[in-house]
Amino acid sequence: MKNILVKLHEYSKDASTAEKDLVNFLLSRPEEAIGCSIQLLSQKTYCSPSTIMRLCWKLGFSGYKELQKSLIQDVAIEKENALGRMTWQLLSAIPA
């Protein structure tokens, strides 16, 4: 299954005018989006909860909670990967 951030990036080219702010918000501020209810997300992105639900369905999710869970997983994986890269860089900087 594709990473939700990849799906959003791919979909952004075809997003409707109403969806563009939503997609941009999810891509640029995924950690903030994770903590948002559907109502709060609609306020922050100036779109309706119905627009959010339609985007979820278009991306293959059953609803907002499922998209939110996927976003949580992907953000956690990205953080874990970043931590791994930092650890490797620190370890490789230590003289042998």
N, C-alpha and C. Protein backbone atom coordinates (compact mmCIF):
# COMPACT_ATOMS: atom_id res chain seq x y z
N MET A 1 0.84 -1.18 0.00
CA MET A 1 0.00 0.00 0.00
C MET A 1 0.89 1.25 0.00
N LYS A 2 0.51 2.22 -0.80
CA LYS A 2 1.30 3.45 -0.91
C LYS A 2 1.17 4.29 0.35
N ASN A 3 2.23 4.97 0.66
CA ASN A 3 2.28 5.95 1.72
C ASN A 3 1.22 7.02 1.44
N ILE A 4 0.49 7.45 2.46
CA ILE A 4 -0.56 8.45 2.27
C ILE A 4 0.00 9.77 1.74
N LEU A 5 1.21 10.12 2.17
CA LEU A 5 1.81 11.36 1.68
C LEU A 5 2.12 11.27 0.19
N VAL A 6 2.52 10.09 -0.27
CA VAL A 6 2.76 9.88 -1.70
C VAL A 6 1.44 9.97 -2.46
N LYS A 7 0.42 9.32 -1.92
CA LYS A 7 -0.91 9.39 -2.55
C LYS A 7 -1.40 10.83 -2.68
N LEU A 8 -1.23 11.58 -1.60
CA LEU A 8 -1.67 12.99 -1.61
C LEU A 8 -0.90 13.80 -2.63
N HIS A 9 0.40 13.58 -2.69
CA HIS A 9 1.23 14.31 -3.66
C HIS A 9 0.79 13.99 -5.09
N GLU A 10 0.57 12.71 -5.36
CA GLU A 10 0.12 12.30 -6.70
C GLU A 10 -1.25 12.89 -7.02
N TYR A 11 -2.14 12.89 -6.03
CA TYR A 11 -3.50 13.38 -6.26
C TYR A 11 -3.54 14.90 -6.40
N SER A 12 -2.58 15.60 -5.82
CA SER A 12 -2.62 17.06 -5.80
C SER A 12 -2.72 17.67 -7.20
N LYS A 13 -2.18 16.97 -8.19
CA LYS A 13 -2.24 17.48 -9.57
C LYS A 13 -3.67 17.50 -10.11
N ASP A 14 -4.50 16.56 -9.62
CA ASP A 14 -5.87 16.44 -10.09
C ASP A 14 -6.91 16.98 -9.11
N ALA A 15 -6.46 17.52 -7.99
CA ALA A 15 -7.38 17.99 -6.96
C ALA A 15 -8.25 19.13 -7.47
N SER A 16 -9.48 19.12 -7.03
CA SER A 16 -10.39 20.22 -7.38
C SER A 16 -9.95 21.47 -6.64
N THR A 17 -10.51 22.58 -7.02
CA THR A 17 -10.19 23.84 -6.35
C THR A 17 -10.47 23.73 -4.86
N ALA A 18 -11.58 23.12 -4.51
CA ALA A 18 -11.98 22.97 -3.10
C ALA A 18 -11.02 22.06 -2.34
N GLU A 19 -10.40 21.11 -3.03
CA GLU A 19 -9.51 20.15 -2.38
C GLU A 19 -8.06 20.62 -2.26
N LYS A 20 -7.66 21.58 -3.07
CA LYS A 20 -6.24 21.98 -3.12
C LYS A 20 -5.71 22.46 -1.77
N ASP A 21 -6.44 23.32 -1.07
CA ASP A 21 -5.98 23.80 0.24
C ASP A 21 -5.90 22.64 1.24
N LEU A 22 -6.85 21.75 1.16
CA LEU A 22 -6.86 20.58 2.04
C LEU A 22 -5.64 19.70 1.80
N VAL A 23 -5.39 19.36 0.54
CA VAL A 23 -4.24 18.52 0.18
C VAL A 23 -2.94 19.20 0.58
N ASN A 24 -2.82 20.49 0.31
CA ASN A 24 -1.60 21.23 0.67
C ASN A 24 -1.38 21.24 2.18
N PHE A 25 -2.45 21.40 2.94
CA PHE A 25 -2.34 21.38 4.40
C PHE A 25 -1.87 20.01 4.88
N LEU A 26 -2.47 18.95 4.37
CA LEU A 26 -2.09 17.59 4.78
C LEU A 26 -0.64 17.28 4.43
N LEU A 27 -0.18 17.78 3.30
CA LEU A 27 1.20 17.53 2.88
C LEU A 27 2.21 18.39 3.66
N SER A 28 1.86 19.63 3.92
CA SER A 28 2.82 20.52 4.55
C SER A 28 2.79 20.46 6.08
N ARG A 29 1.67 20.04 6.65
CA ARG A 29 1.54 20.02 8.11
C ARG A 29 0.86 18.74 8.59
N PRO A 30 1.42 17.58 8.22
CA PRO A 30 0.76 16.31 8.57
C PRO A 30 0.63 16.10 10.08
N GLU A 31 1.61 16.54 10.85
CA GLU A 31 1.54 16.35 12.30
C GLU A 31 0.41 17.18 12.91
N GLU A 32 0.19 18.35 12.39
CA GLU A 32 -0.93 19.18 12.88
C GLU A 32 -2.26 18.55 12.48
N ALA A 33 -2.32 18.02 11.26
CA ALA A 33 -3.56 17.41 10.77
C ALA A 33 -3.95 16.20 11.60
N ILE A 34 -2.96 15.46 12.10
CA ILE A 34 -3.23 14.27 12.90
C ILE A 34 -4.09 14.61 14.11
N GLY A 35 -3.86 15.76 14.71
CA GLY A 35 -4.59 16.16 15.90
C GLY A 35 -5.92 16.84 15.65
N CYS A 36 -6.29 17.00 14.39
CA CYS A 36 -7.52 17.72 14.05
C CYS A 36 -8.71 16.80 13.90
N SER A 37 -9.83 17.23 14.45
CA SER A 37 -11.09 16.57 14.12
C SER A 37 -11.44 16.98 12.69
N ILE A 38 -12.41 16.33 12.12
CA ILE A 38 -12.81 16.68 10.75
C ILE A 38 -13.35 18.12 10.71
N GLN A 39 -14.02 18.54 11.79
CA GLN A 39 -14.56 19.90 11.84
C GLN A 39 -13.43 20.93 11.92
N LEU A 40 -12.43 20.67 12.75
CA LEU A 40 -11.31 21.60 12.89
C LEU A 40 -10.49 21.66 11.59
N LEU A 41 -10.28 20.49 10.97
CA LEU A 41 -9.56 20.46 9.70
C LEU A 41 -10.31 21.26 8.63
N SER A 42 -11.63 21.15 8.63
CA SER A 42 -12.40 21.92 7.64
C SER A 42 -12.26 23.41 7.88
N GLN A 43 -12.18 23.83 9.13
CA GLN A 43 -11.99 25.25 9.44
C GLN A 43 -10.60 25.72 9.00
N LYS A 44 -9.59 24.92 9.28
CA LYS A 44 -8.21 25.30 8.96
C LYS A 44 -7.95 25.34 7.46
N THR A 45 -8.69 24.54 6.69
CA THR A 45 -8.45 24.44 5.26
C THR A 45 -9.54 25.13 4.43
N TYR A 46 -10.50 25.74 5.10
CA TYR A 46 -11.58 26.46 4.42
C TYR A 46 -12.34 25.58 3.43
N CYS A 47 -12.56 24.34 3.83
CA CYS A 47 -13.39 23.45 3.01
C CYS A 47 -14.40 22.76 3.92
N SER A 48 -15.38 22.17 3.35
CA SER A 48 -16.43 21.54 4.15
C SER A 48 -16.01 20.14 4.59
N PRO A 49 -16.62 19.63 5.66
CA PRO A 49 -16.38 18.24 6.05
C PRO A 49 -16.72 17.26 4.92
N SER A 50 -17.70 17.62 4.09
CA SER A 50 -18.07 16.76 2.95
C SER A 50 -16.92 16.67 1.95
N THR A 51 -16.22 17.77 1.74
CA THR A 51 -15.06 17.77 0.83
C THR A 51 -13.97 16.86 1.39
N ILE A 52 -13.76 16.91 2.70
CA ILE A 52 -12.76 16.05 3.33
C ILE A 52 -13.13 14.58 3.15
N MET A 53 -14.40 14.26 3.36
CA MET A 53 -14.86 12.87 3.19
C MET A 53 -14.69 12.41 1.74
N ARG A 54 -15.05 13.26 0.80
CA ARG A 54 -14.89 12.88 -0.61
C ARG A 54 -13.43 12.62 -0.95
N LEU A 55 -12.52 13.44 -0.42
CA LEU A 55 -11.10 13.22 -0.65
C LEU A 55 -10.67 11.88 -0.05
N CYS A 56 -11.14 11.58 1.15
CA CYS A 56 -10.82 10.29 1.77
C CYS A 56 -11.24 9.14 0.87
N TRP A 57 -12.46 9.21 0.37
CA TRP A 57 -12.97 8.14 -0.50
C TRP A 57 -12.17 8.05 -1.80
N LYS A 58 -11.83 9.19 -2.38
CA LYS A 58 -11.05 9.19 -3.63
C LYS A 58 -9.68 8.56 -3.43
N LEU A 59 -9.13 8.68 -2.22
CA LEU A 59 -7.82 8.11 -1.92
C LEU A 59 -7.91 6.65 -1.45
N GLY A 60 -9.14 6.11 -1.39
CA GLY A 60 -9.32 4.70 -1.04
C GLY A 60 -9.57 4.42 0.43
N PHE A 61 -9.87 5.43 1.21
CA PHE A 61 -10.16 5.25 2.63
C PHE A 61 -11.66 5.22 2.86
N SER A 62 -12.07 4.54 3.94
CA SER A 62 -13.49 4.46 4.24
C SER A 62 -14.01 5.75 4.87
N GLY A 63 -13.09 6.55 5.41
CA GLY A 63 -13.49 7.81 6.02
C GLY A 63 -12.29 8.55 6.57
N TYR A 64 -12.58 9.63 7.29
CA TYR A 64 -11.51 10.49 7.79
C TYR A 64 -10.65 9.78 8.84
N LYS A 65 -11.27 9.02 9.73
CA LYS A 65 -10.50 8.33 10.78
C LYS A 65 -9.48 7.37 10.18
N GLU A 66 -9.85 6.69 9.11
CA GLU A 66 -8.91 5.77 8.45
C GLU A 66 -7.76 6.54 7.80
N LEU A 67 -8.05 7.66 7.16
CA LEU A 67 -7.00 8.50 6.58
C LEU A 67 -6.08 9.02 7.70
N GLN A 68 -6.68 9.43 8.80
CA GLN A 68 -5.93 9.95 9.94
C GLN A 68 -4.99 8.88 10.50
N LYS A 69 -5.46 7.65 10.63
CA LYS A 69 -4.61 6.55 11.13
C LYS A 69 -3.44 6.30 10.18
N SER A 70 -3.70 6.35 8.89
CA SER A 70 -2.65 6.15 7.91
C SER A 70 -1.62 7.28 8.00
N LEU A 71 -2.09 8.48 8.21
CA LEU A 71 -1.21 9.63 8.36
C LEU A 71 -0.33 9.48 9.61
N ILE A 72 -0.93 9.01 10.70
CA ILE A 72 -0.18 8.77 11.94
C ILE A 72 0.94 7.76 11.70
N GLN A 73 0.62 6.66 11.01
CA GLN A 73 1.62 5.63 10.72
C GLN A 73 2.75 6.18 9.86
N ASP A 74 2.41 6.92 8.83
CA ASP A 74 3.42 7.43 7.92
C ASP A 74 4.32 8.48 8.58
N VAL A 75 3.74 9.32 9.42
CA VAL A 75 4.55 10.31 10.14
C VAL A 75 5.49 9.59 11.11
N ALA A 76 5.00 8.56 11.79
CA ALA A 76 5.84 7.79 12.71
C ALA A 76 6.99 7.11 11.97
N ILE A 77 6.70 6.55 10.81
CA ILE A 77 7.75 5.89 10.01
C ILE A 77 8.77 6.91 9.55
N GLU A 78 8.32 8.08 9.11
CA GLU A 78 9.26 9.12 8.67
C GLU A 78 10.15 9.57 9.81
N LYS A 79 9.56 9.72 11.01
CA LYS A 79 10.37 10.12 12.18
C LYS A 79 11.39 9.03 12.52
N GLU A 80 10.95 7.78 12.46
CA GLU A 80 11.85 6.67 12.76
C GLU A 80 13.00 6.62 11.75
N ASN A 81 12.68 6.81 10.49
CA ASN A 81 13.72 6.82 9.45
C ASN A 81 14.68 7.99 9.65
N ALA A 82 14.17 9.14 10.00
CA ALA A 82 15.02 10.31 10.24
C ALA A 82 15.94 10.06 11.43
N LEU A 83 15.41 9.45 12.48
CA LEU A 83 16.22 9.13 13.65
C LEU A 83 17.31 8.13 13.29
N GLY A 84 16.96 7.14 12.48
CA GLY A 84 17.94 6.16 12.03
C GLY A 84 19.06 6.79 11.22
N ARG A 85 18.70 7.73 10.34
CA ARG A 85 19.71 8.42 9.54
C ARG A 85 20.62 9.26 10.42
N MET A 86 20.04 9.94 11.41
CA MET A 86 20.85 10.76 12.31
C MET A 86 21.79 9.88 13.13
N THR A 87 21.31 8.76 13.61
CA THR A 87 22.15 7.84 14.39
C THR A 87 23.30 7.33 13.53
N TRP A 88 23.00 6.95 12.30
CA TRP A 88 24.05 6.45 11.40
C TRP A 88 25.09 7.54 11.15
N GLN A 89 24.65 8.76 10.94
CA GLN A 89 25.58 9.87 10.70
C GLN A 89 26.46 10.12 11.92
N LEU A 90 25.86 10.07 13.10
CA LEU A 90 26.65 10.26 14.32
C LEU A 90 27.67 9.14 14.50
N LEU A 91 27.23 7.90 14.29
CA LEU A 91 28.13 6.77 14.44
C LEU A 91 29.26 6.77 13.41
N SER A 92 28.93 7.20 12.21
CA SER A 92 29.96 7.21 11.16
C SER A 92 30.96 8.35 11.37
N ALA A 93 30.61 9.33 12.18
CA ALA A 93 31.52 10.45 12.45
C ALA A 93 32.55 10.11 13.54
N ILE A 94 32.30 9.02 14.28
CA ILE A 94 33.22 8.62 15.35
C ILE A 94 34.43 7.94 14.71
N PRO A 95 35.63 8.42 15.03
CA PRO A 95 36.83 7.80 14.45
C PRO A 95 36.98 6.36 14.92
N ALA A 96 37.48 5.54 14.03
CA ALA A 96 37.65 4.12 14.35
C ALA A 96 38.86 3.87 15.20
